[in-house]
Amino acid sequence: MTEWLTNSEAELDRLEKIEREAISLIKRAETQTTEAEVVGRAEPVDETRLRTLIKQAGETLAEADKIAPNCLKERKLMEALRKRLEALNKKPVIETSIILLIDTSGSMSSNEKIAKAKAAAKRAARQVSRTTEIAILNFDGGCTGGAMKVAADFTTDLNTLISAIDGLQPGGGTPMYISTAEAVKLAQTNGRGKQRNVVLMSDGGDTCRSQKAAAASTIRTSNIPVSTIGFDVGNNQQAQSDLVDLATMTGGRTFSASAADPNEIIRA
């Protein structure tokens, strides 16, 4: 009898230890799930952090499931946590797709224009959310293929956008129209939102005049609004005309901004 009682007591101690460990894991999963929900509600969403927390919570629940007794009342909480994680894993519907098309021609290297343009672009990128995706494009160089470059394709991850903007460097010409034509094509093919917009920031006029008409036709028929920001264009009539024309033909808006006052770019 004594031996039986001793063995039973040891087994009870073991089961109680397992139960405590399971409850501890469930509580940890609850904390991770709650933290993930907080991150998911923030704007902009840190997608990397969100995915990490969801994964951690799922792994913690799986670990608890392996050791928790079937009769453990906390199993109801485990099921509730799984449903909360499933809701976080559901991809939200993208409502708006925005392209920031940034002039990185050689003239942007003067008067710290590229630095101030980057700062404004970063502020704009913070409009990203789980329902608003943004792409960063830039253009420079000649009038052949490759003038428009995709620094970051459509994403809802702010860190990706900031990294892409940081990497922009000025140099080359201003192939504005052909690059805008490529941008509206990308909005059509890659943008998931019902609303799709291109925001162009440039400090000069188009340098590929022979291709302007064909590019303008593509832009006009795309039905993608292009809003333009003239960045320190001053009295450059060609730049003013090109930027106004691009906005007018697409139903977009046109703004003026000065490198002397970065807040003007942000307001635009």
Protein backbone atom coordinates (compact mmCIF):
# COMPACT_ATOMS: atom_id res chain seq x y z
CA MET A 1 0.00 0.00 0.00
CA THR A 2 2.80 2.37 0.95
CA GLU A 3 4.57 1.71 -2.36
CA TRP A 4 1.31 2.30 -4.29
CA LEU A 5 0.72 5.61 -2.50
CA THR A 6 4.28 6.71 -3.15
CA ASN A 7 4.02 5.90 -6.85
CA SER A 8 0.61 7.58 -7.12
CA GLU A 9 1.89 10.72 -5.41
CA ALA A 10 4.83 10.89 -7.81
CA GLU A 11 2.50 10.49 -10.79
CA LEU A 12 0.19 13.21 -9.49
CA ASP A 13 3.15 15.54 -9.05
CA ARG A 14 4.20 14.82 -12.63
CA LEU A 15 0.72 15.49 -14.00
CA GLU A 16 0.39 18.70 -11.99
CA LYS A 17 3.75 19.88 -13.33
CA ILE A 18 2.63 19.19 -16.90
CA GLU A 19 -0.65 21.02 -16.27
CA ARG A 20 1.17 24.08 -14.88
CA GLU A 21 3.52 24.08 -17.86
CA ALA A 22 0.61 23.84 -20.29
CA ILE A 23 -1.24 26.72 -18.59
CA SER A 24 1.95 28.81 -18.67
CA LEU A 25 2.31 28.19 -22.42
CA ILE A 26 -1.33 29.10 -23.03
CA LYS A 27 -0.90 32.37 -21.13
CA ARG A 28 2.24 33.14 -23.15
CA ALA A 29 0.34 32.47 -26.38
CA GLU A 30 -2.42 34.80 -25.20
CA THR A 31 0.11 37.56 -24.55
CA GLN A 32 1.69 37.05 -27.98
CA THR A 33 -1.71 37.06 -29.67
CA THR A 34 -2.77 40.26 -27.91
CA GLU A 35 0.51 41.93 -28.90
CA ALA A 36 -0.03 40.83 -32.50
CA GLU A 37 -3.50 42.38 -32.48
CA VAL A 38 -2.06 45.67 -31.22
CA VAL A 39 0.56 45.66 -33.98
CA GLY A 40 -2.13 44.78 -36.54
CA ARG A 41 -4.27 47.76 -35.54
CA ALA A 42 -1.40 50.25 -35.78
CA GLU A 43 -1.04 52.45 -38.85
CA PRO A 44 1.22 51.86 -40.60
CA VAL A 45 1.45 48.15 -39.80
CA ASP A 46 4.86 46.65 -39.15
CA GLU A 47 4.17 43.53 -41.23
CA THR A 48 7.46 41.88 -40.28
CA ARG A 49 6.73 42.24 -36.56
CA LEU A 50 3.12 41.12 -37.06
CA ARG A 51 4.12 37.95 -38.94
CA THR A 52 6.74 37.14 -36.28
CA LEU A 53 4.21 37.45 -33.43
CA ILE A 54 1.59 35.36 -35.23
CA LYS A 55 4.16 32.64 -35.85
CA GLN A 56 5.37 32.72 -32.24
CA ALA A 57 1.83 32.50 -30.86
CA GLY A 58 1.00 29.61 -33.17
CA GLU A 59 4.13 27.70 -32.17
CA THR A 60 3.45 28.30 -28.47
CA LEU A 61 -0.11 26.99 -28.85
CA ALA A 62 1.13 23.92 -30.69
CA GLU A 63 3.58 23.24 -27.87
CA ALA A 64 0.80 23.61 -25.29
CA ASP A 65 -1.48 21.32 -27.29
CA LYS A 66 1.08 18.51 -27.15
CA ILE A 67 1.19 18.38 -23.35
CA ALA A 68 -2.14 19.77 -22.13
CA PRO A 69 -4.50 17.10 -20.75
CA ASN A 70 -7.71 16.73 -22.76
CA CYS A 71 -9.74 17.64 -19.69
CA LEU A 72 -7.86 20.91 -19.08
CA LYS A 73 -10.44 23.71 -18.93
CA GLU A 74 -7.94 26.16 -20.47
CA ARG A 75 -8.31 24.26 -23.77
CA LYS A 76 -11.34 26.49 -24.45
CA LEU A 77 -9.00 29.48 -24.33
CA MET A 78 -6.66 27.73 -26.76
CA GLU A 79 -9.48 27.41 -29.29
CA ALA A 80 -10.39 31.08 -28.87
CA LEU A 81 -6.75 32.06 -29.43
CA ARG A 82 -6.61 30.00 -32.62
CA LYS A 83 -9.63 31.89 -33.99
CA ARG A 84 -8.01 35.23 -33.12
CA LEU A 85 -4.83 34.20 -34.94
CA GLU A 86 -6.83 33.04 -37.96
CA ALA A 87 -8.46 36.48 -38.10
CA LEU A 88 -5.03 38.14 -38.04
CA ASN A 89 -3.79 35.83 -40.79
CA LYS A 90 -6.62 36.78 -43.13
CA LYS A 91 -5.32 39.10 -45.79
CA PRO A 92 -7.25 42.39 -45.70
CA VAL A 93 -8.78 43.71 -48.89
CA ILE A 94 -6.53 46.29 -50.52
CA GLU A 95 -8.65 49.35 -51.27
CA THR A 96 -6.05 51.82 -52.60
CA SER A 97 -2.85 51.41 -54.62
CA ILE A 98 -0.51 54.40 -54.77
CA ILE A 99 2.68 54.81 -56.80
CA LEU A 100 5.24 57.40 -55.71
CA LEU A 101 7.18 58.18 -58.91
CA ILE A 102 10.30 60.16 -58.00
CA ASP A 103 12.59 62.04 -60.36
CA THR A 104 16.19 61.00 -59.67
CA SER A 105 17.76 62.88 -62.58
CA GLY A 106 21.08 64.67 -62.14
CA SER A 107 19.47 68.03 -61.39
CA MET A 108 17.99 66.56 -58.19
CA SER A 109 21.49 66.49 -56.70
CA SER A 110 21.61 70.29 -56.36
CA ASN A 111 20.45 72.27 -53.30
CA GLU A 112 19.87 69.06 -51.33
CA LYS A 113 16.74 68.46 -53.40
CA ILE A 114 17.07 64.67 -53.41
CA ALA A 115 17.47 64.59 -49.62
CA LYS A 116 14.37 66.71 -49.13
CA ALA A 117 12.45 64.72 -51.73
CA LYS A 118 13.34 61.54 -49.85
CA ALA A 119 12.17 63.03 -46.57
CA ALA A 120 8.84 63.98 -48.14
CA ALA A 121 8.50 60.54 -49.75
CA LYS A 122 9.05 58.88 -46.36
CA ARG A 123 6.29 61.00 -44.87
CA ALA A 124 4.02 59.98 -47.74
CA ALA A 125 4.99 56.32 -47.33
CA ARG A 126 3.60 56.43 -43.79
CA GLN A 127 0.13 56.50 -45.34
CA VAL A 128 0.61 52.79 -46.02
CA SER A 129 -1.77 50.51 -44.13
CA ARG A 130 -3.23 47.01 -44.34
CA THR A 131 -5.72 48.36 -46.93
CA THR A 132 -3.43 50.87 -48.70
CA GLU A 133 -0.42 49.61 -50.64
CA ILE A 134 2.35 51.82 -51.99
CA ALA A 135 5.07 51.32 -54.61
CA ILE A 136 8.24 53.41 -54.98
CA LEU A 137 9.44 54.06 -58.55
CA ASN A 138 12.17 56.38 -59.79
CA PHE A 139 13.37 57.55 -63.19
CA ASP A 140 16.51 58.96 -64.77
CA GLY A 141 18.84 58.23 -67.65
CA GLY A 142 18.16 58.18 -71.38
CA CYS A 143 15.10 57.58 -73.55
CA THR A 144 15.44 53.81 -73.88
CA GLY A 145 14.16 50.93 -71.78
CA GLY A 146 15.08 50.92 -68.12
CA ALA A 147 14.56 54.64 -67.55
CA MET A 148 11.87 53.84 -64.98
CA LYS A 149 13.04 51.62 -62.14
CA VAL A 150 11.01 49.78 -59.49
CA ALA A 151 12.66 50.57 -56.17
CA ALA A 152 9.85 48.78 -54.30
CA ASP A 153 6.84 47.06 -55.85
CA PHE A 154 3.44 47.41 -54.18
CA THR A 155 3.65 46.57 -50.50
CA THR A 156 1.98 47.34 -47.19
CA ASP A 157 5.28 47.08 -45.30
CA LEU A 158 6.65 50.48 -44.27
CA ASN A 159 10.19 49.19 -43.66
CA THR A 160 10.43 48.00 -47.27
CA LEU A 161 9.32 51.41 -48.55
CA ILE A 162 11.72 53.35 -46.32
CA SER A 163 14.63 51.15 -47.40
CA ALA A 164 13.75 51.70 -51.08
CA ILE A 165 13.60 55.48 -50.63
CA ASP A 166 16.93 55.53 -48.78
CA GLY A 167 18.56 53.81 -51.76
CA LEU A 168 17.58 56.45 -54.34
CA GLN A 169 20.50 58.29 -55.95
CA PRO A 170 20.38 61.09 -58.59
CA GLY A 171 21.99 60.93 -62.04
CA GLY A 172 21.00 61.18 -65.72
CA GLY A 173 18.21 62.85 -67.69
CA THR A 174 14.48 63.36 -67.10
CA PRO A 175 12.50 60.80 -69.15
CA MET A 176 9.28 61.92 -67.47
CA TYR A 177 6.58 60.88 -69.95
CA ILE A 178 7.87 57.43 -70.83
CA SER A 179 8.46 56.71 -67.13
CA THR A 180 4.95 57.87 -66.21
CA ALA A 181 3.58 55.61 -68.96
CA GLU A 182 5.43 52.67 -67.41
CA ALA A 183 4.16 53.66 -63.97
CA VAL A 184 0.49 53.62 -65.00
CA LYS A 185 1.04 50.22 -66.64
CA LEU A 186 2.45 48.91 -63.35
CA ALA A 187 -0.54 50.36 -61.50
CA GLN A 188 -2.85 48.50 -63.87
CA THR A 189 -1.06 45.15 -63.69
CA ASN A 190 0.21 45.04 -60.10
CA GLY A 191 -2.08 47.34 -58.15
CA ARG A 192 -4.73 45.44 -56.20
CA GLY A 193 -6.84 48.38 -55.06
CA LYS A 194 -10.00 49.62 -56.74
CA GLN A 195 -8.50 53.09 -56.44
CA ARG A 196 -5.14 53.46 -58.18
CA ASN A 197 -3.11 56.64 -58.29
CA VAL A 198 0.32 57.84 -59.40
CA VAL A 199 2.03 60.75 -57.62
CA LEU A 200 4.90 62.19 -59.68
CA MET A 201 7.58 64.43 -58.15
CA SER A 202 9.95 66.13 -60.59
CA ASP A 203 12.11 69.25 -60.84
CA GLY A 204 12.39 69.51 -64.61
CA GLY A 205 10.77 69.11 -68.01
CA ASP A 206 10.72 65.94 -70.07
CA THR A 207 13.95 65.20 -71.98
CA CYS A 208 12.51 62.60 -74.36
CA ARG A 209 10.36 64.86 -76.55
CA SER A 210 10.28 62.46 -79.52
CA GLN A 211 8.47 59.86 -77.41
CA LYS A 212 6.16 62.24 -75.60
CA ALA A 213 3.10 61.79 -77.86
CA ALA A 214 3.11 57.97 -77.72
CA ALA A 215 3.68 57.97 -73.97
CA ALA A 216 0.94 60.56 -73.44
CA SER A 217 -1.51 58.34 -75.34
CA THR A 218 -0.74 55.42 -73.00
CA ILE A 219 -1.09 57.62 -69.94
CA ARG A 220 -4.36 59.20 -71.12
CA THR A 221 -6.08 55.89 -71.91
CA SER A 222 -4.99 54.20 -68.67
CA ASN A 223 -7.67 55.95 -66.58
CA ILE A 224 -5.09 56.16 -63.77
CA PRO A 225 -5.03 59.67 -62.19
CA VAL A 226 -1.54 61.18 -62.15
CA SER A 227 -0.98 64.00 -59.67
CA THR A 228 2.21 66.01 -60.13
CA ILE A 229 4.45 67.94 -57.77
CA GLY A 230 6.73 70.50 -59.40
CA PHE A 231 9.80 70.53 -57.18
CA ASP A 232 11.75 73.79 -57.45
CA VAL A 233 10.81 74.25 -61.12
CA GLY A 234 11.02 78.05 -60.78
CA ASN A 235 10.51 79.76 -64.15
CA ASN A 236 11.11 76.58 -66.16
CA GLN A 237 8.11 76.88 -68.47
CA GLN A 238 8.64 73.48 -70.08
CA ALA A 239 8.66 71.78 -66.68
CA GLN A 240 5.56 73.69 -65.60
CA SER A 241 3.76 72.82 -68.85
CA ASP A 242 4.69 69.11 -68.74
CA LEU A 243 3.60 68.70 -65.12
CA VAL A 244 0.30 70.49 -65.67
CA ASP A 245 -0.40 68.53 -68.86
CA LEU A 246 0.23 65.18 -67.15
CA ALA A 247 -2.18 66.01 -64.36
CA THR A 248 -4.82 67.54 -66.62
CA MET A 249 -4.96 64.67 -69.12
CA THR A 250 -5.57 62.12 -66.33
CA GLY A 251 -7.86 64.04 -63.99
CA GLY A 252 -5.09 64.42 -61.42
CA ARG A 253 -3.96 67.52 -59.57
CA THR A 254 -0.81 69.61 -59.85
CA PHE A 255 1.16 71.23 -57.03
CA SER A 256 4.26 73.36 -56.63
CA ALA A 257 6.85 72.86 -53.90
CA SER A 258 10.17 74.40 -52.96
CA ALA A 259 13.28 72.75 -51.58
CA ALA A 260 13.60 75.77 -49.33
CA ASP A 261 10.47 74.65 -47.47
CA PRO A 262 10.13 70.83 -47.26
CA ASN A 263 6.74 71.26 -45.63
CA GLU A 264 5.43 72.44 -49.00
CA ILE A 265 6.18 69.01 -50.46
CA ILE A 266 4.47 67.29 -47.57
CA ARG A 267 1.38 69.49 -47.92
CA ALA A 268 1.27 68.78 -51.65
